[in-house]
């Protein structure tokens, strides 16, 4: 059963990070930038998106280590903000699209859990376990990616909100973004879990233990 649970986690993670990146590329195309499309990245084929470190090594290590939160990422889709019709908010819209896609997946599978009929059988139990994995992983991805630290999506939203007078601060964050991200990963990741647990119960009606 543990092997099945691990397989569900991996499937859910790969599926979710691919959807996340396709959402970025689709939002960019809607803004007039077809870079991702021309690169062949507007596809659900996971082989076009997988990053060996973010999609394999990091999740594998977290699973083996028994980490409470499973994180991972795919190769970022190529985007050229210079092509956006909306120069002011285009980058923020593309960034938000990834988290919005993850929240959408969490809602679809979470509501399926909330209204899941009382049925028995291995197939039903397996779908239930897979749906749980999809909801949890997508909530983690949505919340984590909106942290306003480069290179996460939340930083693009923050930069769009900051006035031009804060350009030096933007440059500072971009220059030391990975340092801040490392500090966040080391000390503040547990902050994400209560938010994920709250959203999980809000959507599914089931407490997340």
Protein backbone atom coordinates (compact mmCIF):
# COMPACT_ATOMS: atom_id res chain seq x y z
CA UNK A 1 0.00 0.00 0.00
CA UNK A 2 2.90 2.33 0.75
CA UNK A 3 4.27 1.73 -2.75
CA UNK A 4 0.88 2.62 -4.24
CA UNK A 5 0.69 5.80 -2.15
CA UNK A 6 4.17 6.83 -3.31
CA UNK A 7 3.21 6.17 -6.93
CA UNK A 8 0.10 8.33 -6.51
CA UNK A 9 2.19 11.15 -5.07
CA UNK A 10 4.61 11.03 -8.01
CA UNK A 11 1.81 10.89 -10.59
CA UNK A 12 -0.03 13.76 -8.91
CA UNK A 13 3.13 15.89 -8.69
CA UNK A 14 4.16 15.37 -12.33
CA UNK A 15 0.61 16.02 -13.54
CA UNK A 16 0.36 19.17 -11.41
CA UNK A 17 3.68 20.78 -12.35
CA UNK A 18 3.00 20.14 -16.04
CA UNK A 19 -0.41 21.83 -15.77
CA UNK A 20 1.27 24.70 -13.90
CA UNK A 21 3.75 25.34 -16.71
CA UNK A 22 1.20 24.91 -19.50
CA UNK A 23 -0.96 27.49 -17.72
CA UNK A 24 1.96 29.94 -17.77
CA UNK A 25 2.52 29.36 -21.47
CA UNK A 26 -1.17 29.63 -22.31
CA UNK A 27 -1.51 32.87 -20.36
CA UNK A 28 1.55 34.25 -22.17
CA UNK A 29 -0.01 33.32 -25.53
CA UNK A 30 -3.20 35.10 -24.50
CA UNK A 31 -1.02 38.16 -23.82
CA UNK A 32 0.51 37.98 -27.30
CA UNK A 33 3.69 36.03 -26.52
CA UNK A 34 3.90 32.72 -28.39
CA UNK A 35 7.44 31.81 -27.30
CA UNK A 36 6.26 28.76 -25.34
CA UNK A 37 4.08 27.63 -28.25
CA UNK A 38 6.94 27.85 -30.75
CA UNK A 39 9.15 25.92 -28.29
CA UNK A 40 6.62 23.09 -28.23
CA UNK A 41 5.82 23.60 -24.55
CA UNK A 42 2.04 24.07 -24.80
CA UNK A 43 1.56 20.32 -24.44
CA UNK A 44 0.54 18.01 -21.62
CA UNK A 45 3.31 15.57 -22.61
CA UNK A 46 5.37 15.42 -19.38
CA UNK A 47 8.57 14.58 -21.25
CA UNK A 48 8.54 18.12 -22.68
CA UNK A 49 8.45 19.66 -19.21
CA UNK A 50 10.31 17.46 -16.75
CA UNK A 51 13.37 18.82 -14.98
CA UNK A 52 15.62 16.08 -13.62
CA UNK A 53 16.40 18.01 -10.45
CA UNK A 54 13.00 19.54 -9.71
CA UNK A 55 10.80 16.75 -11.07
CA UNK A 56 12.84 13.70 -10.03
CA UNK A 57 15.69 14.24 -7.56
CA UNK A 58 14.09 16.74 -5.16
CA UNK A 59 10.69 14.98 -4.92
CA UNK A 60 12.42 11.60 -4.65
CA UNK A 61 14.60 12.84 -1.80
CA UNK A 62 11.61 14.36 0.02
CA UNK A 63 9.63 11.11 -0.31
CA UNK A 64 12.53 8.97 0.95
CA UNK A 65 13.17 11.41 3.80
CA UNK A 66 9.50 11.32 4.80
CA UNK A 67 9.15 15.10 4.49
CA UNK A 68 5.71 16.47 5.47
CA UNK A 69 5.49 18.54 2.26
CA UNK A 70 6.21 17.33 -1.27
CA UNK A 71 7.66 20.00 -3.54
CA UNK A 72 8.88 19.91 -7.10
CA UNK A 73 8.95 21.85 -10.32
CA UNK A 74 9.15 21.46 -14.09
CA UNK A 75 11.30 23.33 -16.56
CA UNK A 76 9.97 26.90 -16.73
CA UNK A 77 8.26 27.64 -20.02
CA UNK A 78 10.08 30.30 -22.05
CA UNK A 79 8.31 33.65 -21.86
CA UNK A 80 9.22 37.02 -23.40
CA UNK A 81 7.46 39.86 -21.54
CA UNK A 82 8.42 42.27 -24.34
CA UNK A 83 5.73 40.60 -26.45
CA UNK A 84 2.94 41.17 -23.94
CA UNK A 85 0.19 43.51 -25.00
CA UNK A 86 -0.26 44.52 -21.37
CA UNK A 87 3.22 45.70 -20.43
CA UNK A 88 2.15 46.78 -16.92
CA UNK A 89 0.39 43.65 -15.69
CA UNK A 90 1.17 41.01 -18.33
CA UNK A 91 3.97 39.36 -16.39
CA UNK A 92 1.87 39.26 -13.22
CA UNK A 93 -1.06 37.71 -15.11
CA UNK A 94 1.20 34.98 -16.53
CA UNK A 95 2.65 34.30 -13.09
CA UNK A 96 -0.75 34.10 -11.39
CA UNK A 97 -1.98 31.69 -14.08
CA UNK A 98 0.21 28.88 -12.74
CA UNK A 99 -1.11 29.13 -9.19
CA UNK A 100 -4.67 29.60 -10.51
CA UNK A 101 -4.37 26.36 -12.50
CA UNK A 102 -3.20 24.52 -9.39
CA UNK A 103 -6.07 25.96 -7.35
CA UNK A 104 -8.48 24.93 -10.10
CA UNK A 105 -7.21 21.34 -9.99
CA UNK A 106 -7.45 21.34 -6.20
CA UNK A 107 -11.06 22.55 -6.42
CA UNK A 108 -12.12 19.95 -9.00
CA UNK A 109 -10.63 16.99 -7.16
CA UNK A 110 -11.43 18.45 -3.73
CA UNK A 111 -15.13 18.83 -4.55
CA UNK A 112 -15.08 15.27 -5.90
CA UNK A 113 -13.87 14.18 -2.46
CA UNK A 114 -16.51 16.28 -0.71
CA UNK A 115 -19.37 14.77 -2.69
CA UNK A 116 -17.83 11.33 -3.21
CA UNK A 117 -20.53 8.69 -2.77
CA UNK A 118 -20.13 5.89 -0.28
CA UNK A 119 -18.78 3.17 -2.53
CA UNK A 120 -16.45 0.29 -1.87
CA UNK A 121 -13.83 -1.52 -3.87
CA UNK A 122 -10.16 -1.18 -4.68
CA UNK A 123 -10.72 1.06 -7.71
CA UNK A 124 -12.76 3.55 -5.67
CA UNK A 125 -10.22 3.53 -2.86
CA UNK A 126 -7.38 4.13 -5.31
CA UNK A 127 -9.19 7.05 -6.95
CA UNK A 128 -9.90 8.53 -3.52
CA UNK A 129 -6.21 8.29 -2.57
CA UNK A 130 -5.12 9.79 -5.90
CA UNK A 131 -7.62 12.65 -5.55
CA UNK A 132 -6.31 13.41 -2.07
CA UNK A 133 -2.76 13.54 -3.43
CA UNK A 134 -3.81 15.85 -6.27
CA UNK A 135 -5.59 18.26 -3.90
CA UNK A 136 -2.76 18.43 -1.36
CA UNK A 137 0.04 18.78 -3.91
CA UNK A 138 -1.79 21.45 -5.91
CA UNK A 139 -2.55 23.48 -2.80
CA UNK A 140 1.11 23.26 -1.78
CA UNK A 141 2.23 24.35 -5.25
CA UNK A 142 -0.25 27.23 -5.38
CA UNK A 143 0.65 28.59 -1.93
CA UNK A 144 4.40 28.03 -2.27
CA UNK A 145 4.69 29.57 -5.74
CA UNK A 146 2.95 32.76 -4.62
CA UNK A 147 5.60 33.47 -2.00
CA UNK A 148 7.05 36.84 -3.19
CA UNK A 149 10.65 35.67 -3.43
CA UNK A 150 12.51 35.31 -6.77
CA UNK A 151 12.38 33.12 -8.78
CA UNK A 152 8.91 32.11 -7.52
CA UNK A 153 5.81 33.40 -9.29
CA UNK A 154 4.84 35.60 -6.36
CA UNK A 155 7.88 37.78 -6.98
CA UNK A 156 6.56 38.77 -10.42
CA UNK A 157 3.29 39.83 -8.85
CA UNK A 158 5.17 41.82 -6.22
CA UNK A 159 7.31 43.54 -8.86
CA UNK A 160 4.20 44.52 -10.83
CA UNK A 161 2.69 46.08 -7.71
CA UNK A 162 5.80 48.02 -6.69
CA UNK A 163 6.19 51.54 -8.12
CA UNK A 164 9.14 52.51 -10.31
CA UNK A 165 10.73 54.23 -7.31
CA UNK A 166 11.36 50.75 -5.86
CA UNK A 167 13.49 49.53 -8.77
CA UNK A 168 16.58 49.26 -6.57
CA UNK A 169 14.66 47.00 -4.20
CA UNK A 170 13.57 44.86 -7.16
CA UNK A 171 17.17 44.53 -8.33
CA UNK A 172 18.23 43.62 -4.78
CA UNK A 173 15.59 40.89 -4.55
CA UNK A 174 16.51 39.51 -7.98
CA UNK A 175 20.20 39.49 -7.11
CA UNK A 176 19.80 37.67 -3.78
CA UNK A 177 16.55 35.84 -4.53
CA UNK A 178 18.03 32.36 -4.24
CA UNK A 179 19.51 33.23 -0.84
CA UNK A 180 16.11 34.38 0.44
CA UNK A 181 14.49 31.30 -1.10
CA UNK A 182 16.98 29.03 0.65
CA UNK A 183 16.28 30.74 3.98
CA UNK A 184 12.56 30.32 3.37
CA UNK A 185 12.97 26.63 2.55
CA UNK A 186 15.06 26.05 5.66
CA UNK A 187 12.99 27.94 8.20
CA UNK A 188 9.57 28.94 6.91
CA UNK A 189 8.20 26.03 4.85
CA UNK A 190 6.27 24.75 7.92
CA UNK A 191 4.27 28.00 7.73
CA UNK A 192 2.78 26.75 4.46
CA UNK A 193 1.27 23.62 5.96
CA UNK A 194 -1.39 25.29 8.17
CA UNK A 195 -2.53 27.32 5.13
CA UNK A 196 -2.72 24.15 3.02
CA UNK A 197 -4.59 22.30 5.79
CA UNK A 198 -7.10 25.16 6.11
CA UNK A 199 -7.75 25.28 2.35
CA UNK A 200 -7.98 21.48 2.16
CA UNK A 201 -10.68 21.34 4.81
CA UNK A 202 -12.47 24.34 3.31
CA UNK A 203 -12.69 22.61 -0.10
CA UNK A 204 -13.18 18.98 0.89
CA UNK A 205 -14.84 19.31 4.27
CA UNK A 206 -12.29 16.80 5.58
CA UNK A 207 -9.71 17.71 8.26
CA UNK A 208 -6.14 17.22 7.04
CA UNK A 209 -4.24 15.34 9.72
